[in-house]
Amino acid sequence: MNTDNKNIMDLLNKLQAKTATDLDSIKHIYNVDLDPSLEKMIIVNQTSFDYLNTLKDTDGRYILQYSVADPTQSTLFRAKIVVVPDTVLKPVEGEVTMFMVSLLEFVALFQRDQVMATWTNFNSFSEGLSVILRNDYKVVDDSAMVKVTLKTAAK
């Protein structure tokens, strides 16, 4: 699972980021730059989630919404927010990074059903077991994802 996360994050990070100046410009990118027929999610790291989770509207209500059916699930613009650890998606000081994506449309994970195990004789006095699992990660549709950065004031 950690290998899958790392390889998928590597593909996500390759795309050029669009810069947002405020919440309205994030909403514009979400509404215009992504196909409305996609089942979208927003991927953020812990630091970015913390920033988004503290945003309030003019009436003092928090911007993020929580599902009645699952109170642990938050949404932004009706899109599910997926939080990944800061170790997987490194935070950048003074910047919120988010990926608005339909992950199933963006990336394909090819897994071989075959696991290969071999017993190998190394140099003169050692042996070892090697287990090989082959996966491949490919971008299927790069228009199914937008990387967005928002500059924030330093705390």
C-alpha atoms as a PDB file:
ATOM      1  CA  MET A   1       0.000   0.000   0.000  1.00  0.00           C
ATOM      2  CA  ASN A   2       2.795   2.466   0.837  1.00  0.00           C
ATOM      3  CA  THR A   3       4.463   1.684  -2.481  1.00  0.00           C
ATOM      4  CA  ASP A   4       1.179   2.295  -4.293  1.00  0.00           C
ATOM      5  CA  ASN A   5       0.720   5.625  -2.486  1.00  0.00           C
ATOM      6  CA  LYS A   6       4.259   6.756  -3.290  1.00  0.00           C
ATOM      7  CA  ASN A   7       4.034   5.830  -6.962  1.00  0.00           C
ATOM      8  CA  ILE A   8       0.622   7.444  -7.400  1.00  0.00           C
ATOM      9  CA  MET A   9       1.817  10.607  -5.604  1.00  0.00           C
ATOM     10  CA  ASP A  10       4.850  10.698  -7.924  1.00  0.00           C
ATOM     11  CA  LEU A  11       2.465  10.783 -10.911  1.00  0.00           C
ATOM     12  CA  LEU A  12       0.302  13.452  -9.281  1.00  0.00           C
ATOM     13  CA  ASN A  13       3.299  15.661  -8.506  1.00  0.00           C
ATOM     14  CA  LYS A  14       4.513  15.661 -12.129  1.00  0.00           C
ATOM     15  CA  LEU A  15       1.724  17.962 -13.271  1.00  0.00           C
ATOM     16  CA  GLN A  16       2.128  21.725 -13.373  1.00  0.00           C
ATOM     17  CA  ALA A  17       0.226  23.424 -10.551  1.00  0.00           C
ATOM     18  CA  LYS A  18      -2.398  26.098 -11.086  1.00  0.00           C
ATOM     19  CA  THR A  19      -2.072  28.931  -8.599  1.00  0.00           C
ATOM     20  CA  ALA A  20      -5.148  30.012  -6.685  1.00  0.00           C
ATOM     21  CA  THR A  21      -5.368  33.317  -4.855  1.00  0.00           C
ATOM     22  CA  ASP A  22      -8.398  32.623  -2.675  1.00  0.00           C
ATOM     23  CA  LEU A  23     -11.211  30.150  -2.086  1.00  0.00           C
ATOM     24  CA  ASP A  24     -13.220  31.561  -5.010  1.00  0.00           C
ATOM     25  CA  SER A  25     -10.390  30.855  -7.447  1.00  0.00           C
ATOM     26  CA  ILE A  26     -10.117  27.289  -6.086  1.00  0.00           C
ATOM     27  CA  LYS A  27     -13.847  26.887  -6.680  1.00  0.00           C
ATOM     28  CA  HIS A  28     -13.450  28.283 -10.221  1.00  0.00           C
ATOM     29  CA  ILE A  29     -10.718  25.723 -10.998  1.00  0.00           C
ATOM     30  CA  TYR A  30     -12.915  22.956  -9.561  1.00  0.00           C
ATOM     31  CA  ASN A  31     -15.973  24.041 -11.569  1.00  0.00           C
ATOM     32  CA  VAL A  32     -14.306  24.879 -14.895  1.00  0.00           C
ATOM     33  CA  ASP A  33     -11.077  22.887 -15.272  1.00  0.00           C
ATOM     34  CA  LEU A  34     -12.501  19.469 -14.414  1.00  0.00           C
ATOM     35  CA  ASP A  35     -15.165  17.595 -16.325  1.00  0.00           C
ATOM     36  CA  PRO A  36     -18.415  17.801 -14.303  1.00  0.00           C
ATOM     37  CA  SER A  37     -19.226  14.168 -15.091  1.00  0.00           C
ATOM     38  CA  LEU A  38     -16.193  12.932 -13.128  1.00  0.00           C
ATOM     39  CA  GLU A  39     -16.542  11.591  -9.610  1.00  0.00           C
ATOM     40  CA  LYS A  40     -14.075  14.011  -8.060  1.00  0.00           C
ATOM     41  CA  MET A  41     -12.159  13.954  -4.824  1.00  0.00           C
ATOM     42  CA  ILE A  42      -9.709  16.384  -3.300  1.00  0.00           C
ATOM     43  CA  ILE A  43      -6.416  14.982  -2.038  1.00  0.00           C
ATOM     44  CA  VAL A  44      -4.511  17.044   0.536  1.00  0.00           C
ATOM     45  CA  ASN A  45      -1.790  16.452   3.084  1.00  0.00           C
ATOM     46  CA  GLN A  46      -2.340  16.896   6.821  1.00  0.00           C
ATOM     47  CA  THR A  47      -0.967  20.451   6.856  1.00  0.00           C
ATOM     48  CA  SER A  48      -3.182  21.587   3.974  1.00  0.00           C
ATOM     49  CA  PHE A  49      -6.207  19.906   5.553  1.00  0.00           C
ATOM     50  CA  ASP A  50      -5.539  21.752   8.793  1.00  0.00           C
ATOM     51  CA  TYR A  51      -5.579  25.060   6.896  1.00  0.00           C
ATOM     52  CA  LEU A  52      -8.776  24.214   4.971  1.00  0.00           C
ATOM     53  CA  ASN A  53     -10.455  22.928   8.126  1.00  0.00           C
ATOM     54  CA  THR A  54     -10.104  26.355   9.768  1.00  0.00           C
ATOM     55  CA  LEU A  55     -11.556  28.445   6.908  1.00  0.00           C
ATOM     56  CA  LYS A  56     -14.865  30.158   7.682  1.00  0.00           C
ATOM     57  CA  ASP A  57     -17.428  31.973   5.579  1.00  0.00           C
ATOM     58  CA  THR A  58     -18.642  35.516   6.299  1.00  0.00           C
ATOM     59  CA  ASP A  59     -21.183  34.162   8.813  1.00  0.00           C
ATOM     60  CA  GLY A  60     -18.488  32.369  10.806  1.00  0.00           C
ATOM     61  CA  ARG A  61     -19.414  28.863   9.612  1.00  0.00           C
ATOM     62  CA  TYR A  62     -16.664  26.462   8.658  1.00  0.00           C
ATOM     63  CA  ILE A  63     -16.270  25.913   4.905  1.00  0.00           C
ATOM     64  CA  LEU A  64     -15.710  22.157   5.128  1.00  0.00           C
ATOM     65  CA  GLN A  65     -18.879  20.124   5.455  1.00  0.00           C
ATOM     66  CA  TYR A  66     -19.227  16.798   7.244  1.00  0.00           C
ATOM     67  CA  SER A  67     -21.459  13.949   6.184  1.00  0.00           C
ATOM     68  CA  VAL A  68     -24.386  13.023   8.419  1.00  0.00           C
ATOM     69  CA  ALA A  69     -23.944   9.384   7.398  1.00  0.00           C
ATOM     70  CA  ASP A  70     -20.190   9.436   8.142  1.00  0.00           C
ATOM     71  CA  PRO A  71     -19.123  12.234  10.484  1.00  0.00           C
ATOM     72  CA  THR A  72     -15.455  11.449   9.858  1.00  0.00           C
ATOM     73  CA  GLN A  73     -15.804  12.282   6.138  1.00  0.00           C
ATOM     74  CA  SER A  74     -15.377  15.930   5.161  1.00  0.00           C
ATOM     75  CA  THR A  75     -16.219  17.531   1.832  1.00  0.00           C
ATOM     76  CA  LEU A  76     -15.334  20.702  -0.013  1.00  0.00           C
ATOM     77  CA  PHE A  77     -17.570  21.761  -2.943  1.00  0.00           C
ATOM     78  CA  ARG A  78     -19.391  18.427  -2.447  1.00  0.00           C
ATOM     79  CA  ALA A  79     -16.160  16.525  -3.204  1.00  0.00           C
ATOM     80  CA  LYS A  80     -14.794  14.043  -0.700  1.00  0.00           C
ATOM     81  CA  ILE A  81     -11.536  15.115   0.918  1.00  0.00           C
ATOM     82  CA  VAL A  82      -8.846  12.457   1.226  1.00  0.00           C
ATOM     83  CA  VAL A  83      -6.067  13.301   3.663  1.00  0.00           C
ATOM     84  CA  VAL A  84      -2.659  11.711   3.144  1.00  0.00           C
ATOM     85  CA  PRO A  85       0.181  11.922   5.651  1.00  0.00           C
ATOM     86  CA  ASP A  86       2.686  14.750   5.368  1.00  0.00           C
ATOM     87  CA  THR A  87       5.323  12.043   4.854  1.00  0.00           C
ATOM     88  CA  VAL A  88       3.625  10.998   1.596  1.00  0.00           C
ATOM     89  CA  LEU A  89       2.880  14.510   0.310  1.00  0.00           C
ATOM     90  CA  LYS A  90       5.487  16.884   1.719  1.00  0.00           C
ATOM     91  CA  PRO A  91       4.087  20.224   2.905  1.00  0.00           C
ATOM     92  CA  VAL A  92       5.514  23.461   1.513  1.00  0.00           C
ATOM     93  CA  GLU A  93       5.851  26.377   3.941  1.00  0.00           C
ATOM     94  CA  GLY A  94       3.240  29.058   3.257  1.00  0.00           C
ATOM     95  CA  GLU A  95       1.399  26.998   0.659  1.00  0.00           C
ATOM     96  CA  VAL A  96      -1.651  24.749   0.524  1.00  0.00           C
ATOM     97  CA  THR A  97      -1.336  22.009  -2.084  1.00  0.00           C
ATOM     98  CA  MET A  98      -4.342  20.046  -3.258  1.00  0.00           C
ATOM     99  CA  PHE A  99      -5.167  17.668  -6.051  1.00  0.00           C
ATOM    100  CA  MET A 100      -8.645  17.801  -7.523  1.00  0.00           C
ATOM    101  CA  VAL A 101      -8.883  14.480  -9.213  1.00  0.00           C
ATOM    102  CA  SER A 102     -10.931  11.566 -10.369  1.00  0.00           C
ATOM    103  CA  LEU A 103      -8.324   9.010  -9.370  1.00  0.00           C
ATOM    104  CA  LEU A 104      -9.967   6.161 -11.294  1.00  0.00           C
ATOM    105  CA  GLU A 105      -9.898   8.225 -14.485  1.00  0.00           C
ATOM    106  CA  PHE A 106      -6.428   9.689 -13.929  1.00  0.00           C
ATOM    107  CA  VAL A 107      -4.222   6.723 -13.093  1.00  0.00           C
ATOM    108  CA  ALA A 108      -4.232   3.011 -13.845  1.00  0.00           C
ATOM    109  CA  LEU A 109      -2.521   0.493 -11.626  1.00  0.00           C
ATOM    110  CA  PHE A 110      -1.395  -2.603 -13.473  1.00  0.00           C
ATOM    111  CA  GLN A 111      -0.739  -5.522 -11.162  1.00  0.00           C
ATOM    112  CA  ARG A 112       0.560  -8.848 -12.252  1.00  0.00           C
ATOM    113  CA  ASP A 113      -1.210 -11.680 -10.508  1.00  0.00           C
ATOM    114  CA  GLN A 114       2.026 -13.534 -10.478  1.00  0.00           C
ATOM    115  CA  VAL A 115       4.369 -13.320  -7.490  1.00  0.00           C
ATOM    116  CA  MET A 116       7.791 -14.717  -8.239  1.00  0.00           C
ATOM    117  CA  ALA A 117       9.928 -16.196  -5.483  1.00  0.00           C
ATOM    118  CA  THR A 118      13.384 -17.586  -6.034  1.00  0.00           C
ATOM    119  CA  TRP A 119      16.111 -18.958  -3.841  1.00  0.00           C
ATOM    120  CA  THR A 120      19.372 -17.373  -4.894  1.00  0.00           C
ATOM    121  CA  ASN A 121      22.951 -18.423  -4.161  1.00  0.00           C
ATOM    122  CA  PHE A 122      25.075 -15.355  -3.672  1.00  0.00           C
ATOM    123  CA  ASN A 123      28.863 -15.315  -3.629  1.00  0.00           C
ATOM    124  CA  SER A 124      30.485 -18.232  -1.854  1.00  0.00           C
ATOM    125  CA  PHE A 125      28.714 -18.759   1.469  1.00  0.00           C
ATOM    126  CA  SER A 126      25.287 -17.139   1.376  1.00  0.00           C
ATOM    127  CA  GLU A 127      21.812 -17.765   0.057  1.00  0.00           C
ATOM    128  CA  GLY A 128      18.715 -15.640   0.023  1.00  0.00           C
ATOM    129  CA  LEU A 129      15.058 -15.638  -0.810  1.00  0.00           C
ATOM    130  CA  SER A 130      13.902 -12.950  -3.208  1.00  0.00           C
ATOM    131  CA  VAL A 131      10.218 -12.211  -3.741  1.00  0.00           C
ATOM    132  CA  ILE A 132       9.245 -10.104  -6.727  1.00  0.00           C
ATOM    133  CA  LEU A 133       5.914  -8.406  -7.253  1.00  0.00           C
ATOM    134  CA  ARG A 134       5.536  -6.359 -10.421  1.00  0.00           C
ATOM    135  CA  ASN A 135       3.295  -3.292 -10.594  1.00  0.00           C
ATOM    136  CA  ASP A 136       3.115  -0.471 -13.060  1.00  0.00           C
ATOM    137  CA  TYR A 137       1.455   2.941 -12.732  1.00  0.00           C
ATOM    138  CA  LYS A 138       0.376   4.922 -15.787  1.00  0.00           C
ATOM    139  CA  VAL A 139      -1.520   8.153 -16.354  1.00  0.00           C
ATOM    140  CA  VAL A 140      -4.653   7.339 -18.318  1.00  0.00           C
ATOM    141  CA  ASP A 141      -6.208  10.803 -18.644  1.00  0.00           C
ATOM    142  CA  ASP A 142      -4.227  13.794 -17.409  1.00  0.00           C
ATOM    143  CA  SER A 143      -7.275  16.053 -17.816  1.00  0.00           C
ATOM    144  CA  ALA A 144      -8.934  14.155 -14.942  1.00  0.00           C
ATOM    145  CA  MET A 145      -6.663  15.891 -12.421  1.00  0.00           C
ATOM    146  CA  VAL A 146      -5.687  19.422 -11.507  1.00  0.00           C
ATOM    147  CA  LYS A 147      -2.954  20.326  -9.030  1.00  0.00           C
ATOM    148  CA  VAL A 148      -3.728  23.542  -7.180  1.00  0.00           C
ATOM    149  CA  THR A 149      -1.533  25.628  -4.900  1.00  0.00           C
ATOM    150  CA  LEU A 150      -2.767  28.421  -2.685  1.00  0.00           C
ATOM    151  CA  LYS A 151      -0.332  30.826  -1.058  1.00  0.00           C
ATOM    152  CA  THR A 152      -1.118  31.383   2.607  1.00  0.00           C
ATOM    153  CA  ALA A 153       0.067  33.895   5.150  1.00  0.00           C
ATOM    154  CA  ALA A 154       2.814  32.550   7.374  1.00  0.00           C
ATOM    155  CA  LYS A 155       1.611  31.759  10.895  1.00  0.00           C
END
